[in-house]
Amino acid sequence: MSEKDKANLFAILDSCNKIKTFTEEVWDADTFFEDEKTFDAVLMNFVIIGEAVARLSTNLKNENTHIPWGDVQGFRNIVAHDYFGVDAEEVWQIIKNSLSELELQVKKILESQ
């Protein structure tokens, strides 16, 4: 694995951890949306995750097709280009249902090297 891929995978983990920390005392999508600082910080970290995915090598992505890289990067595009159209409930569901799995899979990639 290249140092560039490794650095980008660590950036993804860092942002996953930040999102989890920022939302650990938030209980639902409405509260999440009402807390502007938390909402903005979380969205920024989703942008960082998407940027890091975009910088991963094609080889690494092709070796790990079980991770929906395109979806992750696509969500970054939605956040970055349609910020005012972002649905807080959708973001909340991603945090609750998908973020930990992404984190787990990225850790597995790093541990396999």
Protein backbone atom coordinates (compact mmCIF):
# COMPACT_ATOMS: atom_id res chain seq x y z
CA MET A 1 0.00 0.00 0.00
CA SER A 2 1.31 3.42 -0.89
CA GLU A 3 1.95 6.05 1.76
CA LYS A 4 -0.62 8.24 0.01
CA ASP A 5 -3.32 5.56 0.35
CA LYS A 6 -2.36 4.97 3.96
CA ALA A 7 -2.60 8.69 4.75
CA ASN A 8 -6.00 8.94 3.09
CA LEU A 9 -7.31 5.90 4.96
CA PHE A 10 -6.15 7.45 8.22
CA ALA A 11 -7.90 10.70 7.24
CA ILE A 12 -11.12 8.73 6.75
CA LEU A 13 -10.75 7.13 10.18
CA ASP A 14 -10.02 10.49 11.78
CA SER A 15 -13.16 12.03 10.31
CA CYS A 16 -15.26 8.99 11.28
CA ASN A 17 -14.03 9.39 14.86
CA LYS A 18 -14.78 13.10 14.85
CA ILE A 19 -18.31 12.52 13.57
CA LYS A 20 -18.92 9.90 16.26
CA THR A 21 -17.53 12.22 18.95
CA PHE A 22 -19.53 15.22 17.74
CA THR A 23 -22.78 13.25 17.75
CA GLU A 24 -22.35 11.08 20.84
CA GLU A 25 -24.77 13.23 22.86
CA VAL A 26 -27.24 13.82 20.04
CA TRP A 27 -30.27 11.55 20.16
CA ASP A 28 -32.19 12.19 16.94
CA ALA A 29 -32.12 13.92 13.57
CA ASP A 30 -34.11 16.94 14.74
CA THR A 31 -31.73 17.68 17.60
CA PHE A 32 -28.81 17.08 15.24
CA PHE A 33 -30.15 19.58 12.71
CA GLU A 34 -30.94 22.20 15.37
CA ASP A 35 -27.37 22.13 16.68
CA GLU A 36 -25.79 24.17 13.89
CA LYS A 37 -22.21 23.75 15.03
CA THR A 38 -22.49 19.99 15.24
CA PHE A 39 -24.39 19.76 11.95
CA ASP A 40 -21.82 21.88 10.14
CA ALA A 41 -18.86 20.06 11.71
CA VAL A 42 -20.27 16.68 10.77
CA LEU A 43 -20.96 17.73 7.21
CA MET A 44 -17.44 19.10 6.87
CA ASN A 45 -16.05 15.77 8.00
CA PHE A 46 -18.19 13.96 5.43
CA VAL A 47 -16.62 16.24 2.83
CA ILE A 48 -13.17 15.28 4.14
CA ILE A 49 -14.07 11.59 3.95
CA GLY A 50 -15.23 12.01 0.36
CA GLU A 51 -12.10 13.92 -0.58
CA ALA A 52 -9.92 11.22 0.95
CA VAL A 53 -11.82 8.54 -0.97
CA ALA A 54 -11.31 10.49 -4.19
CA ARG A 55 -7.57 10.45 -3.54
CA LEU A 56 -7.33 6.70 -2.96
CA SER A 57 -5.67 4.74 -5.73
CA THR A 58 -7.82 2.89 -8.22
CA ASN A 59 -5.92 -0.24 -7.28
CA LEU A 60 -6.90 0.00 -3.59
CA LYS A 61 -10.54 0.64 -4.50
CA ASN A 62 -10.56 -2.28 -6.94
CA GLU A 63 -9.12 -4.58 -4.28
CA ASN A 64 -11.86 -3.52 -1.84
CA THR A 65 -15.03 -3.43 -3.90
CA HIS A 66 -17.10 -4.45 -0.87
CA ILE A 67 -16.84 -0.81 0.25
CA PRO A 68 -19.22 1.51 -1.65
CA TRP A 69 -16.54 4.05 -2.56
CA GLY A 70 -18.76 5.69 -5.18
CA ASP A 71 -21.56 6.23 -2.67
CA VAL A 72 -19.17 7.74 -0.14
CA GLN A 73 -17.71 10.09 -2.72
CA GLY A 74 -21.17 10.86 -4.10
CA PHE A 75 -22.41 11.88 -0.66
CA ARG A 76 -19.49 14.29 -0.42
CA ASN A 77 -20.63 15.87 -3.68
CA ILE A 78 -24.16 16.30 -2.36
CA VAL A 79 -22.90 17.95 0.83
CA ALA A 80 -20.44 20.19 -0.98
CA HIS A 81 -22.65 21.25 -3.88
CA ASP A 82 -26.15 21.18 -2.41
CA TYR A 83 -25.49 22.11 1.21
CA PHE A 84 -28.89 23.73 1.72
CA GLY A 85 -30.60 20.68 0.28
CA VAL A 86 -28.96 18.21 2.65
CA ASP A 87 -31.56 16.21 4.55
CA ALA A 88 -30.65 15.99 8.26
CA GLU A 89 -32.55 12.70 8.60
CA GLU A 90 -30.54 11.15 5.75
CA VAL A 91 -27.28 12.30 7.33
CA TRP A 92 -28.42 10.99 10.70
CA GLN A 93 -29.24 7.58 9.19
CA ILE A 94 -25.81 7.42 7.55
CA ILE A 95 -24.19 8.19 10.89
CA LYS A 96 -26.23 5.58 12.73
CA ASN A 97 -26.32 2.84 10.07
CA SER A 98 -23.25 3.12 7.84
CA LEU A 99 -20.43 5.10 9.42
CA SER A 100 -19.25 2.37 11.81
CA GLU A 101 -19.13 -0.16 8.98
CA LEU A 102 -17.01 2.17 6.85
CA GLU A 103 -14.70 2.69 9.81
CA LEU A 104 -14.44 -1.06 10.41
CA GLN A 105 -13.66 -1.83 6.77
CA VAL A 106 -11.01 0.89 6.56
CA LYS A 107 -9.38 -0.46 9.73
CA LYS A 108 -9.32 -3.94 8.19
CA ILE A 109 -7.58 -2.61 5.09
CA LEU A 110 -4.94 -0.90 7.23
CA GLU A 111 -4.46 -3.95 9.42
CA SER A 112 -3.95 -6.21 6.40
CA GLN A 113 -0.90 -4.22 5.33
